[in-house]
Amino acid sequence: MPKLNEEFITIQASIVRETERAMLIEYHGENIWIPISQVEGVDADFLPPKITLTAWIAKEKGII
C-alpha cells in the first residue's frame, strides 16, 4: 500500500533497469518508467526496495 504525504509517495517496487535519466520499475506487474529527477530516494534494505517519488509523477503514471 503506497504511503502518501503532500509531496511524495513511497512504494515498494522492483527496479528493472536504470539509465542516466530514468528508472524502470515493476509495480504490481506493470513496467513503469520514472524520471530520476522525480525520485527522492531508494531504500534497498527492503525487498522489493522502497522508492520515494513525487506524488504528481505517481498520479501521472497511474501508481495512485
C-alpha atoms as a PDB file:
ATOM      1  CA  MET A   1       0.000   0.000   0.000  1.00  0.00           C
ATOM      2  CA  PRO A   2       1.528   3.332  -1.019  1.00  0.00           C
ATOM      3  CA  LYS A   3       2.307   5.798   1.744  1.00  0.00           C
ATOM      4  CA  LEU A   4       1.337   9.304   0.631  1.00  0.00           C
ATOM      5  CA  ASN A   5       2.003  12.745   2.027  1.00  0.00           C
ATOM      6  CA  GLU A   6       1.513  16.124   0.377  1.00  0.00           C
ATOM      7  CA  GLU A   7       4.528  15.967  -1.936  1.00  0.00           C
ATOM      8  CA  PHE A   8       5.911  12.416  -2.027  1.00  0.00           C
ATOM      9  CA  ILE A   9       4.743   8.824  -2.152  1.00  0.00           C
ATOM     10  CA  THR A  10       6.676   5.756  -1.016  1.00  0.00           C
ATOM     11  CA  ILE A  11       6.055   2.462  -2.795  1.00  0.00           C
ATOM     12  CA  GLN A  12       7.741  -0.927  -2.879  1.00  0.00           C
ATOM     13  CA  ALA A  13       8.707  -1.856  -6.427  1.00  0.00           C
ATOM     14  CA  SER A  14      11.400  -3.829  -8.208  1.00  0.00           C
ATOM     15  CA  ILE A  15      13.973  -1.831 -10.136  1.00  0.00           C
ATOM     16  CA  VAL A  16      14.233  -3.468 -13.556  1.00  0.00           C
ATOM     17  CA  ARG A  17      16.665  -1.081 -15.227  1.00  0.00           C
ATOM     18  CA  GLU A  18      18.203   2.308 -14.644  1.00  0.00           C
ATOM     19  CA  THR A  19      19.610   4.797 -17.120  1.00  0.00           C
ATOM     20  CA  GLU A  20      21.201   8.180 -16.568  1.00  0.00           C
ATOM     21  CA  ARG A  21      17.786   9.873 -16.823  1.00  0.00           C
ATOM     22  CA  ALA A  22      15.156   7.307 -15.813  1.00  0.00           C
ATOM     23  CA  MET A  23      14.379   4.251 -13.715  1.00  0.00           C
ATOM     24  CA  LEU A  24      12.259   1.364 -14.987  1.00  0.00           C
ATOM     25  CA  ILE A  25      10.304  -0.150 -12.117  1.00  0.00           C
ATOM     26  CA  GLU A  26       7.956  -3.107 -11.911  1.00  0.00           C
ATOM     27  CA  TYR A  27       4.953  -2.200  -9.780  1.00  0.00           C
ATOM     28  CA  HIS A  28       2.072  -4.660  -9.457  1.00  0.00           C
ATOM     29  CA  GLY A  29       3.182  -6.493 -12.600  1.00  0.00           C
ATOM     30  CA  GLU A  30       3.430  -3.353 -14.718  1.00  0.00           C
ATOM     31  CA  ASN A  31       6.661  -1.805 -16.024  1.00  0.00           C
ATOM     32  CA  ILE A  32       6.743   1.973 -15.499  1.00  0.00           C
ATOM     33  CA  TRP A  33       9.470   4.467 -16.413  1.00  0.00           C
ATOM     34  CA  ILE A  34      10.079   7.122 -13.752  1.00  0.00           C
ATOM     35  CA  PRO A  35      12.370  10.117 -14.402  1.00  0.00           C
ATOM     36  CA  ILE A  36      15.335  10.061 -11.982  1.00  0.00           C
ATOM     37  CA  SER A  37      14.629  13.730 -11.255  1.00  0.00           C
ATOM     38  CA  GLN A  38      11.317  12.658  -9.676  1.00  0.00           C
ATOM     39  CA  VAL A  39      12.858  10.001  -7.388  1.00  0.00           C
ATOM     40  CA  GLU A  40      13.566  11.316  -3.896  1.00  0.00           C
ATOM     41  CA  GLY A  41      15.290   8.155  -2.689  1.00  0.00           C
ATOM     42  CA  VAL A  42      15.583   4.374  -2.750  1.00  0.00           C
ATOM     43  CA  ASP A  43      15.816   2.240   0.383  1.00  0.00           C
ATOM     44  CA  ALA A  44      17.403  -1.037  -0.718  1.00  0.00           C
ATOM     45  CA  ASP A  45      17.153  -2.504   2.795  1.00  0.00           C
ATOM     46  CA  PHE A  46      13.745  -3.843   1.730  1.00  0.00           C
ATOM     47  CA  LEU A  47      12.824  -6.421  -0.912  1.00  0.00           C
ATOM     48  CA  PRO A  48      11.491  -5.098  -3.136  1.00  0.00           C
ATOM     49  CA  PRO A  49      13.114  -1.734  -2.422  1.00  0.00           C
ATOM     50  CA  LYS A  50      11.128   1.201  -1.076  1.00  0.00           C
ATOM     51  CA  ILE A  51      11.134   4.001  -3.629  1.00  0.00           C
ATOM     52  CA  THR A  52      10.087   7.535  -2.718  1.00  0.00           C
ATOM     53  CA  LEU A  53       8.949   9.651  -5.648  1.00  0.00           C
ATOM     54  CA  THR A  54       6.977  12.811  -6.224  1.00  0.00           C
ATOM     55  CA  ALA A  55       3.231  12.418  -5.794  1.00  0.00           C
ATOM     56  CA  TRP A  56       2.466  14.177  -9.076  1.00  0.00           C
ATOM     57  CA  ILE A  57       4.521  11.720 -11.153  1.00  0.00           C
ATOM     58  CA  ALA A  58       2.907   8.819  -9.298  1.00  0.00           C
ATOM     59  CA  LYS A  59      -0.512  10.192 -10.267  1.00  0.00           C
ATOM     60  CA  GLU A  60       0.580  10.833 -13.849  1.00  0.00           C
ATOM     61  CA  LYS A  61       1.907   7.265 -14.191  1.00  0.00           C
ATOM     62  CA  GLY A  62      -1.203   5.698 -12.635  1.00  0.00           C
ATOM     63  CA  ILE A  63       0.522   4.482  -9.465  1.00  0.00           C
ATOM     64  CA  ILE A  64      -2.017   6.299  -7.286  1.00  0.00           C
END
